[in-house]
Amino acid sequence: MSFVAILGIGVVVAPSAMATPNGCGSLSNGQLCVDKPSGASGTFVVSYLRHSGEGTVTVSLGAQFKTPNGTVHPTDWIADRTIKTGTKGSASRYYTTDSGWCVRAAMKSGQATYISKWLCY
């Protein structure tokens, strides 16, 4: 019974999907985002802003793309970054894509992988 009560509290406390901007995802200790260029092709920037936690953390940052028909491409890991609390780590790469595609940020930290919301254009 206590597990159900704790789970219920977690659902109430968790931020809503609208709490983060398009292309971002809120994590317990930071925010993972992707910024796209104004056109379909260009330099995409993936960033992780760490707002809490102890010491430093090394993460791998990458991007994942989805076509208009729903095909999700494998994650392209761009770079590793060491990030301390209160700082942002970012990585960028030029991609050639088509209109109607979606992109999201991806981050690996230890054994866990995190992803942001899709950002479509």
Protein backbone atom coordinates (compact mmCIF):
# COMPACT_ATOMS: atom_id res chain seq x y z
CA MET A 1 0.00 0.00 0.00
CA SER A 2 2.80 2.45 0.79
CA PHE A 3 4.29 1.87 -2.68
CA VAL A 4 1.03 2.98 -4.27
CA ALA A 5 0.94 6.08 -2.06
CA ILE A 6 4.51 7.01 -2.99
CA LEU A 7 3.79 6.42 -6.68
CA GLY A 8 0.71 8.65 -6.43
CA ILE A 9 2.74 11.46 -4.86
CA GLY A 10 5.36 11.13 -7.62
CA VAL A 11 2.73 11.60 -10.27
CA VAL A 12 1.39 14.73 -8.58
CA VAL A 13 4.85 16.26 -8.11
CA ALA A 14 6.19 15.43 -11.60
CA PRO A 15 6.22 18.40 -14.00
CA SER A 16 3.66 18.36 -16.78
CA ALA A 17 4.67 17.83 -20.39
CA MET A 18 4.10 21.54 -20.99
CA ALA A 19 6.68 22.54 -18.35
CA THR A 20 9.54 22.37 -20.85
CA PRO A 21 10.03 24.13 -24.19
CA ASN A 22 9.76 22.26 -27.50
CA GLY A 23 12.81 20.08 -28.07
CA CYS A 24 13.59 19.82 -24.34
CA GLY A 25 13.05 17.32 -21.59
CA SER A 26 13.30 17.94 -17.85
CA LEU A 27 15.39 15.51 -15.84
CA SER A 28 15.57 15.37 -12.05
CA ASN A 29 18.82 17.38 -12.05
CA GLY A 30 18.77 19.28 -15.32
CA GLN A 31 17.32 19.90 -18.74
CA LEU A 32 18.21 18.13 -21.99
CA CYS A 33 17.49 20.12 -25.18
CA VAL A 34 18.01 20.20 -28.91
CA ASP A 35 18.01 23.39 -31.00
CA LYS A 36 17.45 23.10 -34.71
CA PRO A 37 18.50 25.49 -37.46
CA SER A 38 15.89 27.68 -39.14
CA GLY A 39 15.77 25.36 -42.17
CA ALA A 40 15.56 21.60 -42.41
CA SER A 41 19.34 21.28 -42.78
CA GLY A 42 22.06 22.93 -40.75
CA THR A 43 23.83 22.77 -37.41
CA PHE A 44 21.82 21.07 -34.67
CA VAL A 45 22.89 21.76 -31.07
CA VAL A 46 22.27 19.29 -28.24
CA SER A 47 22.74 20.60 -24.70
CA TYR A 48 22.40 19.50 -21.10
CA LEU A 49 22.03 22.17 -18.42
CA ARG A 50 22.75 20.62 -15.03
CA HIS A 51 21.05 22.58 -12.23
CA SER A 52 21.65 20.25 -9.27
CA GLY A 53 23.74 17.32 -8.07
CA GLU A 54 27.16 16.76 -6.56
CA GLY A 55 30.53 16.86 -8.32
CA THR A 56 30.86 16.39 -12.05
CA VAL A 57 29.24 13.97 -14.46
CA THR A 58 30.50 12.76 -17.84
CA VAL A 59 27.78 12.34 -20.44
CA SER A 60 27.55 11.46 -24.13
CA LEU A 61 25.35 13.81 -26.15
CA GLY A 62 23.66 12.87 -29.40
CA ALA A 63 20.69 13.38 -31.70
CA GLN A 64 18.00 11.12 -33.07
CA PHE A 65 15.82 11.79 -36.13
CA LYS A 66 12.34 10.64 -37.16
CA THR A 67 10.95 10.78 -40.71
CA PRO A 68 7.39 11.91 -41.49
CA ASN A 69 6.34 8.25 -41.85
CA GLY A 70 7.51 7.52 -38.28
CA THR A 71 10.83 5.78 -38.99
CA VAL A 72 13.22 6.56 -36.11
CA HIS A 73 16.90 6.55 -37.05
CA PRO A 74 19.55 5.24 -34.62
CA THR A 75 21.06 7.79 -32.27
CA ASP A 76 24.11 9.61 -33.62
CA TRP A 77 26.40 10.15 -30.61
CA ILE A 78 28.18 13.46 -31.19
CA ALA A 79 30.51 14.09 -28.23
CA ASP A 80 31.29 13.40 -24.58
CA ARG A 81 31.17 16.27 -22.10
CA THR A 82 32.06 16.60 -18.41
CA ILE A 83 29.53 18.86 -16.71
CA LYS A 84 29.47 20.28 -13.19
CA THR A 85 26.44 21.65 -11.39
CA GLY A 86 25.33 25.02 -12.73
CA THR A 87 26.91 24.59 -16.15
CA LYS A 88 25.76 23.58 -19.62
CA GLY A 89 27.48 21.08 -21.86
CA SER A 90 26.69 21.15 -25.55
CA ALA A 91 27.66 19.47 -28.79
CA SER A 92 26.72 20.27 -32.37
CA ARG A 93 26.79 18.68 -35.78
CA TYR A 94 25.64 19.65 -39.25
CA TYR A 95 22.87 17.41 -40.58
CA THR A 96 21.12 17.41 -43.94
CA THR A 97 17.44 16.53 -43.53
CA ASP A 98 14.09 17.21 -45.17
CA SER A 99 11.07 19.24 -44.08
CA GLY A 100 8.64 17.26 -41.95
CA TRP A 101 11.35 15.44 -40.01
CA CYS A 102 11.65 15.53 -36.22
CA VAL A 103 14.76 15.61 -34.03
CA ARG A 104 15.32 14.96 -30.33
CA ALA A 105 18.31 15.16 -28.02
CA ALA A 106 19.79 12.02 -26.47
CA MET A 107 22.16 11.69 -23.52
CA LYS A 108 23.94 8.72 -21.97
CA SER A 109 25.10 8.89 -18.37
CA GLY A 110 26.45 5.68 -16.88
CA GLN A 111 24.06 2.88 -17.84
CA ALA A 112 21.08 5.21 -18.42
CA THR A 113 19.97 6.88 -21.65
CA TYR A 114 17.73 9.97 -21.64
CA ILE A 115 15.86 11.63 -24.49
CA SER A 116 14.12 14.98 -24.96
CA LYS A 117 10.77 15.72 -26.56
CA TRP A 118 10.58 15.60 -30.36
CA LEU A 119 11.11 18.92 -32.13
CA CYS A 120 9.54 18.83 -35.61
CA TYR A 121 9.87 21.18 -38.55
